[in-house]
């Protein structure tokens, strides 16, 4: 049963863009205690042809915001950045904004799924209240660990062994990776790549998202690197299939993506890990730390995302070499829920019927 709200005030909705930046930021200016990604990511969202941003107004005042990103060859709508002004929370505005967003995409016959990514606390509520009533099902769970850095106190280390140098993945490499059944089974058994809580299936159409403002690295099992160690460690790799054969790519044992945004408290940097060879993590971390230093901000929240079976001690040991310890108060998981988009449309229609 969909919860119905009786509005005591009229709501209006419209798409928003670059000119609405300040109004969107004023909806929830202190979101997540200064760790909000939207101030940095909003210009990227409005410039993306696959992303549409919506706002809700009461008497001309913007009181709600939500964005819809279409991925996976146009089959999946991902909800991102949703928020409602504190003074208007608990009045059904968020649900009304969602219904408007669903109906705005109602004529898109390609859409098959709706995705939402939530932390542990919201996942429990979804499981209790939404899974059966609203058709959501739980797809996967990933662990995340927070390490807080002050760059002024960080001494860089270079732990690369001669046979385990991570090379930088190119767009052409990614094309080979997403088309390889062997890589998909070994590295991505869940069939998804995450970029700051946005899930993407292993589809060629998603590659531009994987490569945008990211550092993508891969370590191969074995010492027969196709280029010299120094070349593989640099950013200027060769480009015939990324400089590497498909056979070489299929021997990848650890894959990482580094993506970032600036927040009020400094830099937020995510390292997304795929694979089981965590002995290679220090080499990946060295490359990501170099990039973090280049982004020039004194304070950094570094978050490592990984599968549930990974041993957190390997991350702690690598971080300790830089004098960095884990924030024990921030150990939680993120959960991906999915449902057929047809259910979302039915709910939106029944609410206005």
Protein backbone atom coordinates (compact mmCIF):
# COMPACT_ATOMS: atom_id res chain seq x y z
CA UNK A 1 0.00 0.00 0.00
CA UNK A 2 1.38 3.41 -0.99
CA UNK A 3 1.24 5.96 1.82
CA UNK A 4 -0.90 8.90 0.76
CA UNK A 5 -0.36 12.47 1.90
CA UNK A 6 -2.96 15.18 1.76
CA UNK A 7 -1.13 18.35 0.78
CA UNK A 8 -2.21 21.61 2.39
CA UNK A 9 -0.26 23.57 -0.22
CA UNK A 10 0.14 23.26 -4.00
CA UNK A 11 3.39 21.81 -5.38
CA UNK A 12 5.00 22.65 -8.69
CA UNK A 13 7.85 20.81 -10.39
CA UNK A 14 10.37 21.58 -13.11
CA UNK A 15 13.72 20.52 -14.48
CA UNK A 16 16.67 22.56 -13.19
CA UNK A 17 20.07 23.38 -14.66
CA UNK A 18 23.23 25.44 -14.24
CA UNK A 19 21.38 28.66 -13.38
CA UNK A 20 19.69 26.94 -10.43
CA UNK A 21 22.90 25.94 -8.66
CA UNK A 22 22.52 28.27 -5.66
CA UNK A 23 18.85 27.39 -5.16
CA UNK A 24 19.59 23.66 -5.26
CA UNK A 25 22.41 24.02 -2.74
CA UNK A 26 20.13 25.97 -0.40
CA UNK A 27 17.67 23.07 -0.11
CA UNK A 28 19.89 21.25 2.40
CA UNK A 29 23.04 23.35 2.92
CA UNK A 30 24.39 21.28 5.83
CA UNK A 31 23.74 17.84 4.34
CA UNK A 32 25.79 15.02 5.85
CA UNK A 33 27.63 17.41 8.20
CA UNK A 34 29.59 19.09 5.41
CA UNK A 35 30.31 15.87 3.48
CA UNK A 36 27.79 16.49 0.72
CA UNK A 37 28.85 15.48 -2.80
CA UNK A 38 26.23 17.55 -4.63
CA UNK A 39 28.04 20.95 -4.63
CA UNK A 40 30.89 19.38 -6.61
CA UNK A 41 28.87 16.91 -8.70
CA UNK A 42 25.85 19.06 -9.62
CA UNK A 43 27.50 20.74 -12.68
CA UNK A 44 28.49 17.27 -13.91
CA UNK A 45 24.93 16.02 -13.51
CA UNK A 46 23.29 18.88 -15.40
CA UNK A 47 25.85 18.56 -18.22
CA UNK A 48 25.25 14.82 -18.60
CA UNK A 49 22.70 14.08 -21.35
CA UNK A 50 21.72 10.91 -19.47
CA UNK A 51 20.96 12.75 -16.22
CA UNK A 52 17.91 14.92 -15.48
CA UNK A 53 17.60 17.08 -12.36
CA UNK A 54 14.21 17.92 -10.87
CA UNK A 55 13.10 20.41 -8.24
CA UNK A 56 9.91 20.82 -6.25
CA UNK A 57 8.53 24.26 -5.29
CA UNK A 58 6.07 25.62 -2.75
CA UNK A 59 4.94 29.17 -3.55
CA UNK A 60 8.07 29.73 -5.64
CA UNK A 61 10.46 28.40 -2.98
CA UNK A 62 12.54 25.36 -3.94
CA UNK A 63 11.93 22.78 -1.21
CA UNK A 64 13.07 19.52 -2.83
CA UNK A 65 15.59 18.14 -5.30
CA UNK A 66 16.26 14.80 -6.97
CA UNK A 67 18.25 13.61 -9.99
CA UNK A 68 17.67 10.65 -12.27
CA UNK A 69 20.60 9.06 -14.10
CA UNK A 70 19.87 6.67 -16.98
CA UNK A 71 22.53 3.97 -17.43
CA UNK A 72 22.96 0.39 -18.70
CA UNK A 73 22.06 1.02 -22.34
CA UNK A 74 19.07 3.05 -21.22
CA UNK A 75 17.55 0.24 -19.16
CA UNK A 76 18.15 1.50 -15.60
CA UNK A 77 17.18 4.68 -13.79
CA UNK A 78 19.41 5.43 -10.79
CA UNK A 79 18.14 7.81 -8.11
CA UNK A 80 20.79 10.24 -6.83
CA UNK A 81 21.06 13.29 -4.60
CA UNK A 82 17.49 13.35 -3.27
CA UNK A 83 16.74 15.88 -0.51
CA UNK A 84 14.01 18.02 1.03
CA UNK A 85 14.30 21.28 2.96
CA UNK A 86 14.31 20.73 6.74
CA UNK A 87 11.24 22.94 7.20
CA UNK A 88 9.25 20.77 4.76
CA UNK A 89 10.37 17.28 5.70
CA UNK A 90 7.77 14.71 6.74
CA UNK A 91 5.05 16.28 4.59
CA UNK A 92 5.17 13.91 1.61
CA UNK A 93 7.21 16.21 -0.62
CA UNK A 94 9.91 13.64 -1.29
CA UNK A 95 7.37 11.06 -2.44
CA UNK A 96 5.62 13.66 -4.59
CA UNK A 97 8.93 14.55 -6.22
CA UNK A 98 9.65 10.88 -6.89
CA UNK A 99 6.24 10.41 -8.50
CA UNK A 100 6.86 13.39 -10.75
CA UNK A 101 10.26 11.99 -11.71
CA UNK A 102 8.79 8.58 -12.52
CA UNK A 103 6.02 10.05 -14.65
CA UNK A 104 8.49 12.30 -16.47
CA UNK A 105 10.20 9.11 -17.68
CA UNK A 106 6.96 7.21 -18.21
CA UNK A 107 7.17 7.30 -22.00
CA UNK A 108 10.66 5.82 -22.05
CA UNK A 109 9.93 2.26 -23.14
CA UNK A 110 13.58 1.22 -22.75
CA UNK A 111 13.53 1.61 -18.98
CA UNK A 112 13.27 -1.72 -17.16
CA UNK A 113 14.70 -1.14 -13.69
CA UNK A 114 14.98 1.40 -10.89
CA UNK A 115 18.10 1.31 -8.68
CA UNK A 116 18.72 2.84 -5.29
CA UNK A 117 21.86 2.56 -3.12
CA UNK A 118 21.50 3.05 0.64
CA UNK A 119 23.60 2.56 3.82
CA UNK A 120 22.88 -0.06 6.49
CA UNK A 121 20.31 1.95 8.43
CA UNK A 122 18.15 2.68 5.41
CA UNK A 123 18.63 -0.86 4.10
CA UNK A 124 16.95 -2.30 7.19
CA UNK A 125 13.99 0.03 6.73
CA UNK A 126 13.77 -0.88 3.05
CA UNK A 127 13.77 -4.57 3.90
CA UNK A 128 11.06 -4.12 6.54
CA UNK A 129 8.75 -1.73 4.74
CA UNK A 130 9.50 -1.61 1.04
CA UNK A 131 10.68 -4.97 -0.26
CA UNK A 132 7.30 -6.65 -0.26
CA UNK A 133 5.08 -3.57 -0.52
CA UNK A 134 6.98 -1.78 -3.28
CA UNK A 135 8.61 -4.59 -5.21
CA UNK A 136 12.25 -3.91 -4.34
CA UNK A 137 14.72 -6.78 -4.06
CA UNK A 138 18.19 -6.77 -2.53
CA UNK A 139 20.93 -7.16 -5.16
CA UNK A 140 24.25 -6.84 -3.32
CA UNK A 141 26.11 -5.46 -0.32
CA UNK A 142 29.55 -3.82 -0.22
CA UNK A 143 31.68 -2.90 2.79
CA UNK A 144 33.23 0.53 3.17
CA UNK A 145 35.95 1.81 5.50
CA UNK A 146 36.91 5.42 6.25
CA UNK A 147 40.47 6.71 6.72
CA UNK A 148 40.93 10.40 7.59
CA UNK A 149 44.11 12.08 6.36
CA UNK A 150 45.90 15.37 6.89
CA UNK A 151 48.15 15.59 3.85
CA UNK A 152 50.73 17.79 5.56
CA UNK A 153 51.67 14.83 7.75
CA UNK A 154 51.72 12.19 5.01
CA UNK A 155 55.06 10.80 3.89
CA UNK A 156 54.79 9.10 0.50
CA UNK A 157 56.03 5.52 0.19
CA UNK A 158 56.67 3.46 -2.95
CA UNK A 159 56.04 -0.22 -2.19
CA UNK A 160 55.94 -1.52 -5.78
CA UNK A 161 57.60 -4.93 -6.19
CA UNK A 162 59.18 -5.58 -9.58
CA UNK A 163 56.47 -8.00 -10.75
CA UNK A 164 53.34 -6.35 -9.37
CA UNK A 165 53.20 -2.90 -10.92
CA UNK A 166 49.62 -1.65 -11.40
CA UNK A 167 49.09 -0.15 -14.82
CA UNK A 168 46.59 2.53 -15.73
CA UNK A 169 43.55 1.17 -17.56
CA UNK A 170 42.49 2.97 -20.73
CA UNK A 171 39.08 3.25 -22.35
CA UNK A 172 40.06 0.60 -24.89
CA UNK A 173 41.12 -1.68 -22.03
CA UNK A 174 37.70 -1.18 -20.50
CA UNK A 175 36.07 -2.23 -23.75
CA UNK A 176 38.02 -5.50 -23.60
CA UNK A 177 37.24 -5.96 -19.90
CA UNK A 178 33.47 -5.54 -20.18
CA UNK A 179 33.36 -7.92 -23.16
CA UNK A 180 35.37 -10.69 -21.44
CA UNK A 181 33.30 -13.36 -19.71
CA UNK A 182 36.38 -14.52 -17.81
CA UNK A 183 37.03 -11.09 -16.30
CA UNK A 184 33.36 -10.60 -15.49
CA UNK A 185 33.27 -13.88 -13.56
CA UNK A 186 36.54 -13.40 -11.68
CA UNK A 187 36.52 -9.68 -10.88
CA UNK A 188 32.87 -8.66 -11.06
CA UNK A 189 30.74 -11.64 -9.98
CA UNK A 190 27.95 -9.24 -8.97
CA UNK A 191 27.89 -7.80 -12.48
CA UNK A 192 28.28 -4.21 -11.30
CA UNK A 193 30.91 -1.49 -11.01
CA UNK A 194 30.25 1.27 -8.47
CA UNK A 195 31.31 4.89 -8.68
CA UNK A 196 30.46 6.70 -5.47
CA UNK A 197 27.36 4.61 -4.79
CA UNK A 198 26.15 4.71 -8.39
CA UNK A 199 25.89 1.17 -9.82
CA UNK A 200 26.73 0.42 -13.43
CA UNK A 201 26.38 -2.88 -15.24
CA UNK A 202 29.34 -4.04 -17.32
CA UNK A 203 28.09 -2.44 -20.51
CA UNK A 204 30.12 -0.61 -23.14
CA UNK A 205 27.69 2.32 -22.94
CA UNK A 206 28.79 2.91 -19.32
CA UNK A 207 32.51 3.17 -20.06
CA UNK A 208 32.46 6.97 -20.29
CA UNK A 209 31.26 7.03 -16.67
CA UNK A 210 34.01 4.63 -15.55
CA UNK A 211 36.68 6.84 -17.11
CA UNK A 212 35.39 10.31 -16.16
CA UNK A 213 37.58 12.02 -13.51
CA UNK A 214 38.78 8.59 -12.37
CA UNK A 215 42.05 6.76 -11.91
CA UNK A 216 41.51 3.16 -13.00
CA UNK A 217 44.28 0.65 -12.19
CA UNK A 218 44.81 -3.07 -12.73
CA UNK A 219 47.39 -5.55 -11.45
CA UNK A 220 48.17 -8.66 -13.47
CA UNK A 221 49.29 -11.97 -12.00
CA UNK A 222 52.83 -12.59 -13.28
CA UNK A 223 55.95 -10.66 -14.14
CA UNK A 224 55.71 -10.59 -17.95
CA UNK A 225 54.45 -7.05 -18.13
CA UNK A 226 53.92 -5.89 -21.74
CA UNK A 227 55.89 -2.71 -21.15
CA UNK A 228 58.69 -1.70 -18.81
CA UNK A 229 57.81 -1.25 -15.15
CA UNK A 230 58.40 2.47 -15.36
CA UNK A 231 56.10 2.80 -18.37
CA UNK A 232 53.36 0.87 -16.63
CA UNK A 233 53.70 3.06 -13.59
CA UNK A 234 53.35 6.24 -15.61
CA UNK A 235 50.16 7.80 -16.92
CA UNK A 236 51.31 7.59 -20.56
CA UNK A 237 50.73 3.93 -21.43
CA UNK A 238 50.53 2.70 -25.02
CA UNK A 239 47.09 2.39 -26.53
CA UNK A 240 46.71 -0.72 -28.68
CA UNK A 241 43.93 -2.25 -26.59
CA UNK A 242 45.41 -0.01 -23.97
CA UNK A 243 48.81 -1.45 -24.92
CA UNK A 244 47.80 -4.90 -23.63
CA UNK A 245 46.44 -8.09 -25.18
CA UNK A 246 43.13 -9.63 -24.19
CA UNK A 247 45.06 -12.58 -22.74
CA UNK A 248 46.99 -10.18 -20.57
CA UNK A 249 43.83 -8.40 -19.45
CA UNK A 250 42.17 -11.67 -18.48
CA UNK A 251 44.94 -12.26 -15.93
CA UNK A 252 44.01 -9.16 -13.90
CA UNK A 253 43.87 -10.07 -10.19
CA UNK A 254 43.07 -6.66 -8.66
CA UNK A 255 41.20 -3.75 -10.19
CA UNK A 256 40.65 -0.37 -8.55
CA UNK A 257 38.88 2.86 -9.43
CA UNK A 258 39.65 6.13 -7.68
CA UNK A 259 37.06 8.89 -7.89
CA UNK A 260 36.66 12.06 -5.87
CA UNK A 261 34.69 15.16 -5.03
CA UNK A 262 35.38 18.26 -2.98
CA UNK A 263 33.27 18.82 0.11
CA UNK A 264 33.12 21.51 2.78
CA UNK A 265 35.50 19.57 5.01
CA UNK A 266 38.07 18.96 2.25
CA UNK A 267 38.49 16.17 -0.29
CA UNK A 268 36.46 12.97 -0.40
CA UNK A 269 38.28 10.21 -2.30
CA UNK A 270 36.81 6.77 -2.96
CA UNK A 271 38.81 3.66 -3.85
CA UNK A 272 36.58 0.95 -5.31
CA UNK A 273 38.24 -2.48 -5.26
CA UNK A 274 37.45 -5.60 -7.30
CA UNK A 275 39.26 -8.94 -7.07
CA UNK A 276 40.78 -11.10 -4.34
CA UNK A 277 44.53 -10.45 -4.60
CA UNK A 278 44.68 -7.91 -1.79
CA UNK A 279 48.46 -8.35 -1.60
CA UNK A 280 48.51 -5.92 -4.53
CA UNK A 281 46.56 -3.28 -2.61
CA UNK A 282 49.66 -1.35 -1.34
CA UNK A 283 50.76 -0.75 -4.95
CA UNK A 284 47.31 0.52 -5.90
CA UNK A 285 47.19 2.68 -2.78
CA UNK A 286 50.55 4.26 -3.68
CA UNK A 287 49.16 5.40 -7.04
CA UNK A 288 45.96 6.70 -5.48
CA UNK A 289 47.89 8.52 -2.74
CA UNK A 290 49.98 10.28 -5.40
CA UNK A 291 46.80 11.42 -7.08
CA UNK A 292 45.30 12.58 -3.78
CA UNK A 293 48.40 14.70 -3.17
CA UNK A 294 47.96 16.28 -6.62
CA UNK A 295 44.38 17.31 -5.79
CA UNK A 296 45.77 19.76 -3.23
CA UNK A 297 43.50 19.86 -0.20
CA UNK A 298 44.75 19.59 3.41
CA UNK A 299 42.04 17.27 4.79
CA UNK A 300 40.93 14.06 3.09
CA UNK A 301 38.25 11.47 3.75
CA UNK A 302 39.55 8.34 2.02
CA UNK A 303 36.92 5.60 1.75
CA UNK A 304 37.71 2.07 0.61
CA UNK A 305 34.83 0.07 -0.90
CA UNK A 306 35.24 -3.68 -1.24
CA UNK A 307 33.43 -6.99 -1.21
CA UNK A 308 32.43 -8.54 2.10
CA UNK A 309 35.05 -11.29 2.11
CA UNK A 310 38.02 -8.88 2.01
CA UNK A 311 40.16 -8.74 5.17
CA UNK A 312 40.23 -5.16 6.46
CA UNK A 313 43.63 -5.80 8.05
CA UNK A 314 45.33 -5.62 4.64
CA UNK A 315 43.92 -2.11 4.20
CA UNK A 316 44.93 -1.08 7.72
CA UNK A 317 48.49 -2.38 7.25
CA UNK A 318 48.93 -0.47 3.99
CA UNK A 319 47.49 2.74 5.47
CA UNK A 320 49.69 2.47 8.55
CA UNK A 321 52.77 2.91 6.33
CA UNK A 322 51.47 6.44 5.68
CA UNK A 323 50.70 6.99 9.36
CA UNK A 324 46.96 6.74 8.73
CA UNK A 325 44.48 4.81 10.89
CA UNK A 326 40.91 3.76 10.26
CA UNK A 327 37.95 5.61 11.74
CA UNK A 328 36.23 2.84 13.72
CA UNK A 329 33.06 4.91 14.05
CA UNK A 330 32.55 4.65 10.29
CA UNK A 331 32.39 0.98 9.38
CA UNK A 332 29.28 0.18 7.46
CA UNK A 333 27.94 -1.27 4.26
CA UNK A 334 26.09 0.05 1.27
CA UNK A 335 23.27 -1.93 -0.30
CA UNK A 336 21.92 -1.97 -3.84
CA UNK A 337 18.16 -2.45 -4.19
CA UNK A 338 16.39 -2.82 -7.50
CA UNK A 339 12.84 -3.13 -8.74
CA UNK A 340 11.03 -3.15 -12.08
CA UNK A 341 10.44 0.40 -13.28
CA UNK A 342 6.90 -0.64 -14.21
CA UNK A 343 6.08 -0.91 -10.49
CA UNK A 344 7.30 2.66 -9.89
CA UNK A 345 5.06 3.89 -12.72
CA UNK A 346 2.04 2.01 -11.36
CA UNK A 347 2.56 3.55 -7.92
CA UNK A 348 2.88 7.03 -9.41
CA UNK A 349 -0.33 6.51 -11.39
CA UNK A 350 -2.30 5.10 -8.42
CA UNK A 351 -1.36 8.04 -6.22
CA UNK A 352 -2.93 10.51 -8.63
CA UNK A 353 -5.88 8.35 -9.65
